[in-house]
Amino acid sequence: MKFMSWRIAAAAALMAAATICRCAPSQAGEALGAKVLEETCSRCHAALPSGGFERISEERKTPEGWELTISRMERFDHVTVSAAQEAAVVKWLADRQGLAPAEAAPFRYALERRPVVESPDDTDLAGMCASCHTYARIGLERRDKAEWLKLANMHLGQWPNIEYVATSRDREWWKLASTEIPAKLGAKWPLETKAWSEWKTHRHANLAGSWRVAGHRAGKGDYAGDLVIRPNGDDHYSITYKITYSDGTKSFGKGSAIVYTGYEWRGTVRLGKEKIHEVYALSADGNRLSGRWFRDGQDGIGADVVAVRGVDAIAGVEPRFIRSGQPSKLTIIGSGLKGTVQLGAGIVVDKVLSATPGAVTILATAAKDTPPGERAVAVGKAQSASALVVYDRVKAVEVEPGIAVARMGGNGGPIAPALCQFEAVAYTKTADGAPLRIGAMPAKWEVANFDETAAKDRDASFGGHIDRNGLFTPGLAGPNPKRGGYDNAANLSVKATMAEGGAAVEGAAHLYVAPQRWNDAPIR
């Protein structure tokens, strides 16, 4: 099953209808989605007296979550639906039984495929559920206690050995899974919430129009440009991009997108020579999109995105940091920009180099004694908090992501290697000694053995290589004759070195080179 709705998006044109401004889909999509539920899903899920269907109407999920459900029906119960039918029913369910923006917000990293290490807020739930998949996967669903219990029963029925996995041993697993855990889940993530009740009545905006875009692509740098969105009906849009990176290179793109639940943007675009997938969230006022896009088949390679429209809106600042005592050229990207530029205490605008409604470029200087910290940026009435960082010197380097997994592939096999994109992020300290993130800066890269065992196995010689921009390419899959028949799995340290005042400042990340992922899910 491919990641979220990329095959669904391909079938979306079959369901085009009039543009809408509420969660409920318009006639064509609604008719097909309802027909699939009534004619296919109802074969196993009985109709409820109150309306809807057993199990189906007792859950809420993201679009990815509903796609997971349909995938499970196809694999476990041999249900057959076409791509168009699947697209329609996912849209129908996500619009009516989705998550409110506030409910999805803590777990957007999983939807956006960000390479982060989770920090679950409940050790009991993490131990019970996050042994086989991410904690985010359960955090992106809503059910009552009784429905969570049914999910536990489904797990035991489909995977009978679940009681014997490492984190389930030496305790009364089923007693916990059938009593305490469903009760906790039902209290923590219930079916009915105030956030969802309020969101269902929220009126959503038509997204058609011209947007200004700003973002940062790891390994490549900042970019800015224009996004044009045109309606195709039924919450479907065609889109075009024109962006320019900070190094001067330009990229153009065309594609399509679907909006679920009134705010969940999912797009597929051919940007330059790359096929990318977009996972954005729309603000409540309908004038700001933010999230991440990533390469098809290589979700470790991607970019942060902010898009704004209308007047008095700032999408970003390029670059987003300024060194005290040194004049700097800054570009503020936004929509409807006009008026005086203000950068906060201690920073003087020396000269306005150019000014348009979409971008204002200035020369600015932060005084030598300006304390390090985040600053709000304003252009007239347009404001953006914490949009700029003032720093005096780089005092530490962190490599992001701090822990990562690259996967072997290729070598004639069907699975391509999964690459990892690293960045060296500079840090300083505030006046009270707290760490302050400055931003990504150029660095020298190298890969080393992580520990003594890795050194003995010569992991750094076989695991793969890293280029000058921090992109790591793992070794090929399969036995390696030069390694005595073993594969190219490795336990590595990825090191970045920056020059600062004649000294070297270093940081490192932990990288595992692992076997291929043969089965991928819309939410891992």
Protein backbone atom coordinates (compact mmCIF):
# COMPACT_ATOMS: atom_id res chain seq x y z
CA MET A 1 0.00 0.00 0.00
CA LYS A 2 1.55 3.28 -0.99
CA PHE A 3 1.80 6.18 1.44
CA MET A 4 -1.31 8.26 1.88
CA SER A 5 -3.54 8.62 -1.09
CA TRP A 6 -0.97 9.08 -3.83
CA ARG A 7 -2.86 6.48 -5.83
CA ILE A 8 -6.03 7.98 -4.40
CA ALA A 9 -4.95 11.39 -5.70
CA ALA A 10 -4.42 9.87 -9.13
CA ALA A 11 -8.05 8.77 -9.18
CA ALA A 12 -9.38 12.01 -7.74
CA ALA A 13 -10.20 13.51 -11.13
CA LEU A 14 -12.90 10.89 -11.52
CA MET A 15 -14.85 12.53 -8.71
CA ALA A 16 -14.60 16.22 -9.66
CA ALA A 17 -17.61 18.37 -8.82
CA ALA A 18 -18.48 21.89 -7.65
CA THR A 19 -16.05 23.63 -5.28
CA ILE A 20 -17.20 23.66 -1.64
CA CYS A 21 -16.37 25.59 1.50
CA ARG A 22 -17.37 23.10 4.21
CA CYS A 23 -16.15 19.69 5.30
CA ALA A 24 -19.00 17.88 3.59
CA PRO A 25 -18.05 16.79 0.06
CA SER A 26 -20.20 17.80 -2.87
CA GLN A 27 -22.48 15.60 -4.89
CA ALA A 28 -20.17 13.40 -6.97
CA GLY A 29 -17.73 12.47 -4.20
CA GLU A 30 -20.51 12.15 -1.63
CA ALA A 31 -22.56 9.88 -3.85
CA LEU A 32 -19.69 7.52 -4.64
CA GLY A 33 -18.41 7.45 -1.06
CA ALA A 34 -21.87 6.74 0.32
CA LYS A 35 -22.43 4.05 -2.32
CA VAL A 36 -19.23 2.20 -1.36
CA LEU A 37 -20.24 2.24 2.31
CA GLU A 38 -23.77 1.06 1.61
CA GLU A 39 -22.96 -1.59 -1.00
CA THR A 40 -19.52 -2.85 0.05
CA CYS A 41 -18.77 -1.99 3.67
CA SER A 42 -22.28 -2.90 4.88
CA ARG A 43 -21.70 -6.54 3.89
CA CYS A 44 -19.76 -6.94 7.14
CA HIS A 45 -20.63 -3.79 9.11
CA ALA A 46 -24.29 -3.74 10.13
CA ALA A 47 -26.28 -0.53 9.99
CA LEU A 48 -26.77 1.20 13.34
CA PRO A 49 -30.24 2.33 14.50
CA SER A 50 -28.82 5.82 15.03
CA GLY A 51 -27.34 5.87 11.53
CA GLY A 52 -23.98 4.80 10.17
CA PHE A 53 -22.37 1.39 10.47
CA GLU A 54 -20.91 -0.71 13.26
CA ARG A 55 -17.24 -0.07 13.93
CA ILE A 56 -16.95 2.41 11.04
CA SER A 57 -19.10 5.09 12.67
CA GLU A 58 -17.48 4.52 16.05
CA GLU A 59 -14.05 5.82 15.04
CA ARG A 60 -12.40 9.02 13.84
CA LYS A 61 -9.15 9.09 11.88
CA THR A 62 -6.95 11.12 9.56
CA PRO A 63 -7.11 10.41 5.80
CA GLU A 64 -4.05 8.18 6.27
CA GLY A 65 -5.82 6.33 9.06
CA TRP A 66 -8.84 5.60 6.90
CA GLU A 67 -6.60 4.43 4.10
CA LEU A 68 -4.97 2.05 6.59
CA THR A 69 -8.41 0.69 7.44
CA ILE A 70 -9.28 0.04 3.81
CA SER A 71 -5.90 -1.56 3.23
CA ARG A 72 -6.54 -3.89 6.15
CA MET A 73 -9.95 -4.81 4.76
CA GLU A 74 -8.33 -5.63 1.43
CA ARG A 75 -5.59 -7.77 2.98
CA PHE A 76 -7.47 -9.50 5.79
CA ASP A 77 -11.01 -9.73 4.45
CA HIS A 78 -10.41 -9.78 0.68
CA VAL A 79 -12.50 -6.68 0.06
CA THR A 80 -12.12 -5.39 -3.50
CA VAL A 81 -12.50 -1.69 -4.33
CA SER A 82 -11.22 0.35 -7.23
CA ALA A 83 -8.86 3.29 -6.79
CA ALA A 84 -11.73 5.70 -7.45
CA GLN A 85 -13.94 3.98 -4.88
CA GLU A 86 -11.17 4.02 -2.32
CA ALA A 87 -10.55 7.71 -2.97
CA ALA A 88 -14.22 8.49 -2.52
CA VAL A 89 -14.73 6.57 0.70
CA VAL A 90 -11.54 7.95 2.28
CA LYS A 91 -12.71 11.46 1.45
CA TRP A 92 -16.21 10.77 2.73
CA LEU A 93 -14.99 9.33 6.03
CA ALA A 94 -12.18 11.82 6.64
CA ASP A 95 -14.56 14.73 6.14
CA ARG A 96 -17.18 13.37 8.53
CA GLN A 97 -15.07 11.35 10.95
CA GLY A 98 -11.69 13.03 10.92
CA LEU A 99 -9.64 14.84 13.53
CA ALA A 100 -9.84 18.49 14.47
CA PRO A 101 -6.66 20.51 13.81
CA ALA A 102 -5.84 20.67 17.51
CA GLU A 103 -6.18 16.89 17.81
CA ALA A 104 -3.82 16.15 14.93
CA ALA A 105 -1.28 18.86 15.79
CA PRO A 106 0.87 16.88 18.32
CA PHE A 107 1.43 14.10 15.81
CA ARG A 108 1.86 15.94 12.53
CA TYR A 109 5.47 14.77 12.42
CA ALA A 110 4.23 11.29 11.51
CA LEU A 111 1.92 12.56 8.77
CA GLU A 112 4.69 14.77 7.37
CA ARG A 113 7.20 11.89 7.54
CA ARG A 114 9.67 13.91 9.58
CA PRO A 115 12.75 11.93 10.67
CA VAL A 116 12.27 12.49 14.40
CA VAL A 117 12.53 10.37 17.53
CA GLU A 118 9.23 10.14 19.36
CA SER A 119 8.78 11.23 22.97
CA PRO A 120 5.57 9.53 24.16
CA ASP A 121 3.78 11.23 27.03
CA ASP A 122 2.53 7.95 28.49
CA THR A 123 4.94 5.09 29.15
CA ASP A 124 2.16 2.50 29.60
CA LEU A 125 0.62 3.27 26.22
CA ALA A 126 4.02 3.54 24.59
CA GLY A 127 5.05 0.14 25.92
CA MET A 128 1.82 -1.50 24.88
CA CYS A 129 1.31 0.10 21.47
CA ALA A 130 4.55 1.67 20.24
CA SER A 131 6.53 -1.56 20.15
CA CYS A 132 5.31 -2.37 16.65
CA HIS A 133 4.42 1.05 15.24
CA THR A 134 4.73 4.69 16.17
CA TYR A 135 2.98 6.24 19.15
CA ALA A 136 1.58 8.76 16.69
CA ARG A 137 -0.40 6.04 14.96
CA ILE A 138 -2.68 5.59 17.95
CA GLY A 139 -2.59 9.31 18.79
CA LEU A 140 -4.14 10.02 15.40
CA GLU A 141 -7.27 7.98 16.12
CA ARG A 142 -10.30 8.60 18.34
CA ARG A 143 -12.52 5.88 19.85
CA ASP A 144 -14.43 5.22 23.04
CA LYS A 145 -13.31 2.59 25.55
CA ALA A 146 -15.45 -0.17 24.04
CA GLU A 147 -14.08 0.45 20.55
CA TRP A 148 -10.48 0.53 21.81
CA LEU A 149 -11.14 -2.88 23.37
CA LYS A 150 -12.37 -4.19 20.04
CA LEU A 151 -9.12 -2.97 18.50
CA ALA A 152 -7.17 -4.93 21.13
CA ASN A 153 -9.17 -8.05 20.26
CA MET A 154 -8.45 -7.50 16.56
CA HIS A 155 -4.73 -7.30 17.28
CA LEU A 156 -4.76 -10.55 19.24
CA GLY A 157 -6.81 -12.29 16.56
CA GLN A 158 -4.61 -11.18 13.66
CA TRP A 159 -1.26 -11.49 15.47
CA PRO A 160 -1.59 -14.26 18.09
CA ASN A 161 2.08 -14.01 19.05
CA ILE A 162 1.63 -10.38 20.12
CA GLU A 163 1.57 -11.55 23.76
CA TYR A 164 5.13 -12.79 23.42
CA VAL A 165 6.98 -9.87 21.88
CA ALA A 166 9.80 -8.41 23.96
CA THR A 167 7.86 -5.64 25.72
CA SER A 168 4.89 -7.92 26.45
CA ARG A 169 6.76 -10.56 28.45
CA ASP A 170 6.82 -10.97 32.22
CA ARG A 171 3.42 -9.37 32.79
CA GLU A 172 -0.25 -10.19 32.41
CA TRP A 173 -0.39 -8.80 28.92
CA TRP A 174 -3.98 -9.63 27.98
CA LYS A 175 -5.32 -8.48 31.33
CA LEU A 176 -3.70 -5.10 30.75
CA ALA A 177 -4.64 -4.96 27.05
CA SER A 178 -8.30 -5.72 27.75
CA THR A 179 -8.88 -3.60 30.87
CA GLU A 180 -6.47 -0.83 31.80
CA ILE A 181 -5.28 0.12 28.32
CA PRO A 182 -8.69 0.53 26.62
CA ALA A 183 -9.87 2.56 29.60
CA LYS A 184 -6.85 4.82 29.40
CA LEU A 185 -7.12 5.20 25.64
CA GLY A 186 -10.83 5.97 25.86
CA ALA A 187 -10.16 8.68 28.42
CA LYS A 188 -7.17 10.14 26.60
CA TRP A 189 -8.46 9.93 23.01
CA PRO A 190 -12.28 9.58 23.13
CA LEU A 191 -14.62 9.60 20.16
CA GLU A 192 -16.45 12.79 21.09
CA THR A 193 -14.48 15.89 21.99
CA LYS A 194 -15.11 19.62 22.23
CA ALA A 195 -12.45 20.29 19.59
CA TRP A 196 -14.19 18.04 17.06
CA SER A 197 -17.66 19.35 17.86
CA GLU A 198 -16.48 22.90 17.25
CA TRP A 199 -14.53 22.07 14.10
CA LYS A 200 -17.48 20.33 12.46
CA THR A 201 -19.33 23.66 12.40
CA HIS A 202 -16.33 25.66 11.19
CA ARG A 203 -16.72 27.25 7.77
CA HIS A 204 -13.72 26.57 5.57
CA ALA A 205 -12.21 28.68 2.85
CA ASN A 206 -11.90 28.09 -0.85
CA LEU A 207 -8.14 27.94 -1.42
CA ALA A 208 -8.10 29.12 -5.04
CA GLY A 209 -5.81 32.05 -5.69
CA SER A 210 -2.20 33.22 -5.54
CA TRP A 211 -0.03 32.40 -2.54
CA ARG A 212 3.49 33.37 -1.51
CA VAL A 213 5.75 30.54 -0.39
CA ALA A 214 8.83 30.44 1.83
CA GLY A 215 10.67 27.43 3.16
CA HIS A 216 13.86 25.56 3.80
CA ARG A 217 15.07 22.39 2.13
CA ALA A 218 17.58 20.39 4.14
CA GLY A 219 20.85 20.07 2.25
CA LYS A 220 19.86 22.73 -0.26
CA GLY A 221 18.92 25.88 1.65
CA ASP A 222 16.15 28.46 1.87
CA TYR A 223 13.74 29.15 -0.98
CA ALA A 224 10.88 31.50 -1.82
CA GLY A 225 8.38 31.82 -4.61
CA ASP A 226 4.80 31.62 -5.74
CA LEU A 227 2.07 29.00 -5.50
CA VAL A 228 -1.03 29.29 -7.68
CA ILE A 229 -4.03 27.17 -6.68
CA ARG A 230 -6.93 26.55 -9.06
CA PRO A 231 -10.14 24.72 -8.14
CA ASN A 232 -11.01 21.41 -9.77
CA GLY A 233 -14.17 20.86 -7.72
CA ASP A 234 -14.97 18.67 -4.75
CA ASP A 235 -12.06 19.95 -2.61
CA HIS A 236 -9.64 19.12 -5.43
CA TYR A 237 -7.13 21.63 -6.80
CA SER A 238 -4.53 21.95 -9.53
CA ILE A 239 -1.37 23.75 -8.45
CA THR A 240 1.71 25.37 -9.95
CA TYR A 241 4.95 26.43 -8.25
CA LYS A 242 7.70 28.87 -9.15
CA ILE A 243 10.43 28.94 -6.51
CA THR A 244 13.98 30.24 -6.26
CA TYR A 245 16.57 28.86 -3.83
CA SER A 246 19.03 31.06 -1.96
CA ASP A 247 21.82 29.84 -4.27
CA GLY A 248 19.94 31.24 -7.27
CA THR A 249 18.65 28.00 -8.75
CA LYS A 250 15.03 27.96 -9.84
CA SER A 251 12.46 25.21 -9.85
CA PHE A 252 9.02 24.97 -11.44
CA GLY A 253 6.29 22.51 -10.64
CA LYS A 254 2.77 21.36 -11.48
CA GLY A 255 0.49 18.97 -9.70
CA SER A 256 -2.76 18.41 -7.84
CA ALA A 257 -4.02 18.34 -4.29
CA ILE A 258 -6.99 17.30 -2.16
CA VAL A 259 -8.18 18.94 1.05
CA TYR A 260 -9.67 16.60 3.66
CA THR A 261 -11.60 17.55 6.79
CA GLY A 262 -11.46 21.17 5.73
CA TYR A 263 -7.76 21.62 6.51
CA GLU A 264 -5.69 18.53 5.66
CA TRP A 265 -3.89 19.29 2.37
CA ARG A 266 -2.38 16.36 0.47
CA GLY A 267 -0.67 17.08 -2.83
CA THR A 268 1.46 15.41 -5.47
CA VAL A 269 3.67 17.62 -7.64
CA ARG A 270 6.36 17.26 -10.26
CA LEU A 271 8.82 19.89 -9.00
CA GLY A 272 11.70 20.21 -11.42
CA LYS A 273 12.87 16.65 -12.03
CA GLU A 274 11.49 15.37 -8.72
CA LYS A 275 8.14 13.95 -7.81
CA ILE A 276 7.16 15.23 -4.39
CA HIS A 277 4.33 14.68 -1.93
CA GLU A 278 2.91 17.45 0.22
CA VAL A 279 1.40 17.20 3.71
CA TYR A 280 0.21 20.62 4.85
CA ALA A 281 -2.26 21.96 7.40
CA LEU A 282 -4.52 24.92 6.65
CA SER A 283 -5.02 27.61 9.29
CA ALA A 284 -8.49 28.28 10.67
CA ASP A 285 -8.80 31.51 8.68
CA GLY A 286 -7.88 29.73 5.45
CA ASN A 287 -4.95 32.01 4.61
CA ARG A 288 -1.93 30.00 5.73
CA LEU A 289 -0.64 26.56 4.74
CA SER A 290 2.25 24.99 6.64
CA GLY A 291 3.90 21.60 6.68
CA ARG A 292 6.42 19.57 4.72
CA TRP A 293 6.95 18.11 1.28
CA PHE A 294 9.20 15.15 0.54
CA ARG A 295 10.49 13.17 -2.41
CA ASP A 296 8.54 10.22 -3.72
CA GLY A 297 10.09 7.07 -2.25
CA GLN A 298 12.63 9.10 -0.27
CA ASP A 299 10.75 10.77 2.58
CA GLY A 300 14.04 11.52 4.36
CA ILE A 301 14.62 14.20 1.73
CA GLY A 302 12.23 17.11 1.97
CA ALA A 303 11.51 20.70 2.85
CA ASP A 304 9.57 22.81 5.32
CA VAL A 305 6.87 24.97 3.73
CA VAL A 306 4.84 28.04 4.68
CA ALA A 307 2.42 29.59 2.18
CA VAL A 308 0.35 32.72 2.81
CA ARG A 309 -2.15 34.81 0.89
CA GLY A 310 -4.05 38.05 1.34
CA VAL A 311 -2.63 41.18 2.94
CA ASP A 312 -0.33 41.74 5.90
CA ALA A 313 1.08 38.19 5.95
CA ILE A 314 4.71 37.07 6.46
CA ALA A 315 5.75 33.59 5.34
CA GLY A 316 9.40 33.74 6.39
CA VAL A 317 12.74 35.54 6.48
CA GLU A 318 15.75 34.52 4.39
CA PRO A 319 18.09 33.90 6.07
CA ARG A 320 16.39 33.67 9.45
CA PHE A 321 19.45 34.75 11.44
CA ILE A 322 21.67 37.82 11.75
CA ARG A 323 25.09 38.06 13.40
CA SER A 324 25.59 40.96 15.79
CA GLY A 325 28.08 43.57 14.64
CA GLN A 326 27.87 42.58 10.97
CA PRO A 327 25.64 44.09 8.24
CA SER A 328 23.38 41.43 6.74
CA LYS A 329 21.13 41.19 3.73
CA LEU A 330 17.68 39.88 4.68
CA THR A 331 14.61 39.17 2.58
CA ILE A 332 11.17 39.10 4.16
CA ILE A 333 8.77 36.96 2.13
CA GLY A 334 5.03 37.41 2.40
CA SER A 335 1.80 38.63 0.88
CA GLY A 336 0.48 42.19 0.77
CA LEU A 337 3.63 43.56 2.41
CA LYS A 338 3.77 47.32 2.80
CA GLY A 339 4.98 49.76 5.41
CA THR A 340 7.96 50.20 7.71
CA VAL A 341 10.23 47.23 8.44
CA GLN A 342 10.90 46.51 12.12
CA LEU A 343 13.25 43.81 13.35
CA GLY A 344 13.18 44.28 17.11
CA ALA A 345 15.39 45.90 19.72
CA GLY A 346 19.03 46.38 18.75
CA ILE A 347 18.60 45.82 15.00
CA VAL A 348 18.68 48.77 12.62
CA VAL A 349 17.42 48.72 9.04
CA ASP A 350 20.25 50.43 7.15
CA LYS A 351 18.65 50.40 3.71
CA VAL A 352 15.68 49.02 1.84
CA LEU A 353 17.11 47.45 -1.30
CA SER A 354 13.79 46.49 -2.90
CA ALA A 355 10.17 46.29 -1.87
CA THR A 356 7.19 44.54 -3.47
CA PRO A 357 3.99 43.15 -1.93
CA GLY A 358 5.63 39.70 -2.08
CA ALA A 359 9.15 40.42 -0.79
CA VAL A 360 11.09 43.16 0.96
CA THR A 361 14.89 42.99 0.83
CA ILE A 362 16.92 45.08 3.27
CA LEU A 363 20.39 45.65 4.68
CA ALA A 364 20.31 45.48 8.47
CA THR A 365 22.79 45.58 11.31
CA ALA A 366 22.49 44.21 14.82
CA ALA A 367 24.58 46.17 17.31
CA LYS A 368 27.55 44.32 18.81
CA ASP A 369 25.99 44.38 22.26
CA THR A 370 22.60 43.07 21.08
CA PRO A 371 21.75 40.09 23.27
CA PRO A 372 21.25 36.80 21.41
CA GLY A 373 17.64 35.74 21.03
CA GLU A 374 14.61 35.45 18.80
CA ARG A 375 13.02 38.58 17.37
CA ALA A 376 9.64 39.37 15.87
CA VAL A 377 9.65 40.78 12.35
CA ALA A 378 7.12 43.29 11.08
CA VAL A 379 6.41 45.00 7.77
CA GLY A 380 3.70 47.54 8.45
CA LYS A 381 0.81 45.58 9.94
CA ALA A 382 2.25 42.21 8.95
CA GLN A 383 3.98 40.50 11.87
CA SER A 384 5.69 37.19 12.52
CA ALA A 385 6.86 36.18 15.99
CA SER A 386 10.27 34.53 16.44
CA ALA A 387 11.01 34.96 12.73
CA LEU A 388 14.62 36.12 13.17
CA VAL A 389 17.48 35.04 15.44
CA VAL A 390 20.28 37.32 16.61
CA TYR A 391 23.53 35.60 17.58
CA ASP A 392 27.08 36.60 18.42
CA ARG A 393 28.96 33.37 17.64
CA VAL A 394 28.40 29.68 17.03
CA LYS A 395 28.97 27.85 20.32
CA ALA A 396 27.68 24.39 19.45
CA VAL A 397 26.63 22.27 16.50
CA GLU A 398 23.86 19.70 16.41
CA VAL A 399 23.34 17.31 13.52
CA GLU A 400 19.72 16.85 12.53
CA PRO A 401 18.19 14.34 12.65
CA GLY A 402 20.04 13.26 15.79
CA ILE A 403 19.11 9.60 15.27
CA ALA A 404 18.36 8.27 11.80
CA VAL A 405 17.91 5.08 9.82
CA ALA A 406 19.11 4.60 6.26
CA ARG A 407 18.14 1.43 4.46
CA MET A 408 20.10 -0.68 2.06
CA GLY A 409 18.56 -1.36 -1.33
CA GLY A 410 19.21 -1.60 -5.03
CA ASN A 411 21.74 -4.17 -6.23
CA GLY A 412 19.18 -5.52 -8.68
CA GLY A 413 16.40 -5.76 -6.09
CA PRO A 414 12.98 -4.08 -6.21
CA ILE A 415 13.56 -1.75 -3.25
CA ALA A 416 15.66 1.38 -3.74
CA PRO A 417 18.07 2.47 -1.00
CA ALA A 418 16.48 4.83 1.57
CA LEU A 419 18.74 7.87 1.83
CA CYS A 420 19.19 10.19 4.82
CA GLN A 421 19.62 13.96 4.56
CA PHE A 422 21.53 15.51 7.45
CA GLU A 423 22.00 19.16 8.35
CA ALA A 424 24.48 20.89 10.63
CA VAL A 425 22.52 23.28 12.83
CA ALA A 426 24.37 26.03 14.65
CA TYR A 427 23.53 26.94 18.25
CA THR A 428 24.50 29.74 20.58
CA LYS A 429 23.35 30.66 24.09
CA THR A 430 21.03 33.34 25.35
CA ALA A 431 22.05 35.78 28.08
CA ASP A 432 20.74 33.37 30.73
CA GLY A 433 22.68 30.45 29.28
CA ALA A 434 19.83 28.65 27.52
CA PRO A 435 20.59 26.97 24.16
CA LEU A 436 19.43 29.02 21.18
CA ARG A 437 18.96 27.44 17.76
CA ILE A 438 20.43 29.68 15.05
CA GLY A 439 19.83 27.58 11.94
CA ALA A 440 21.47 25.36 9.35
CA MET A 441 24.95 26.37 8.19
CA PRO A 442 27.61 24.83 5.90
CA ALA A 443 29.82 22.18 7.46
CA LYS A 444 32.37 19.53 6.65
CA TRP A 445 30.95 16.01 6.81
CA GLU A 446 32.38 12.61 7.65
CA VAL A 447 31.15 9.17 8.66
CA ALA A 448 32.85 7.12 11.39
CA ASN A 449 32.30 3.88 13.27
CA PHE A 450 29.94 4.41 16.18
CA ASP A 451 31.58 2.07 18.71
CA GLU A 452 34.20 -0.64 19.12
CA THR A 453 32.01 -3.32 17.58
CA ALA A 454 31.40 -1.14 14.53
CA ALA A 455 35.14 -0.50 14.25
CA LYS A 456 35.87 -4.22 14.42
CA ASP A 457 33.33 -4.89 11.67
CA ARG A 458 34.60 -1.93 9.61
CA ASP A 459 31.11 -0.49 9.36
CA ALA A 460 32.29 2.89 8.09
CA SER A 461 33.95 1.18 5.14
CA PHE A 462 30.83 -0.67 4.04
CA GLY A 463 27.79 1.19 5.37
CA GLY A 464 27.73 3.95 2.77
CA HIS A 465 29.02 7.46 2.12
CA ILE A 466 28.03 11.06 2.78
CA ASP A 467 28.42 13.93 0.31
CA ARG A 468 29.45 17.55 0.87
CA ASN A 469 25.82 18.56 1.49
CA GLY A 470 25.13 15.99 4.18
CA LEU A 471 23.28 13.47 2.01
CA PHE A 472 24.03 9.90 3.10
CA THR A 473 23.68 7.06 0.59
CA PRO A 474 23.73 3.58 2.18
CA GLY A 475 25.50 0.56 0.82
CA LEU A 476 23.80 -1.89 -1.51
CA ALA A 477 21.52 -4.67 -0.32
CA GLY A 478 22.45 -8.32 -0.34
CA PRO A 479 25.60 -10.21 0.65
CA ASN A 480 28.86 -8.36 0.14
CA PRO A 481 31.74 -10.69 -0.87
CA LYS A 482 34.26 -8.11 0.40
CA ARG A 483 32.66 -8.42 3.82
CA GLY A 484 32.76 -12.17 4.02
CA GLY A 485 29.22 -12.60 2.70
CA TYR A 486 27.56 -10.28 5.21
CA ASP A 487 25.41 -7.39 4.05
CA ASN A 488 26.23 -3.69 4.45
CA ALA A 489 24.37 -3.06 7.69
CA ALA A 490 26.23 -0.57 9.87
CA ASN A 491 26.26 1.37 13.12
CA LEU A 492 27.68 4.79 12.33
CA SER A 493 28.39 8.24 13.66
CA VAL A 494 27.74 11.15 11.29
CA LYS A 495 29.97 14.10 12.16
CA ALA A 496 29.71 17.74 11.10
CA THR A 497 32.42 20.37 11.66
CA MET A 498 31.98 24.15 11.38
CA ALA A 499 34.71 26.77 11.48
CA GLU A 500 34.12 29.49 14.10
CA GLY A 501 36.70 32.14 14.92
CA GLY A 502 39.63 30.00 13.86
CA ALA A 503 38.39 27.01 15.90
CA ALA A 504 36.39 23.93 14.96
CA VAL A 505 32.92 23.32 16.41
CA GLU A 506 31.66 19.77 16.00
CA GLY A 507 28.43 17.85 16.28
CA ALA A 508 27.41 14.26 15.63
CA ALA A 509 24.36 12.08 14.99
CA HIS A 510 23.74 8.35 15.30
CA LEU A 511 22.95 6.53 12.06
CA TYR A 512 21.84 2.95 11.58
CA VAL A 513 22.14 1.36 8.14
CA ALA A 514 19.43 -1.29 8.16
CA PRO A 515 17.75 -3.76 5.78
CA GLN A 516 15.00 -2.70 3.41
CA ARG A 517 11.49 -1.89 4.59
CA TRP A 518 9.39 -4.31 2.59
CA ASN A 519 5.99 -3.27 3.90
CA ASP A 520 5.25 0.39 4.43
CA ALA A 521 2.11 1.93 5.87
CA PRO A 522 0.43 5.31 5.42
CA ILE A 523 1.24 5.94 9.10
CA ARG A 524 4.21 3.91 10.31
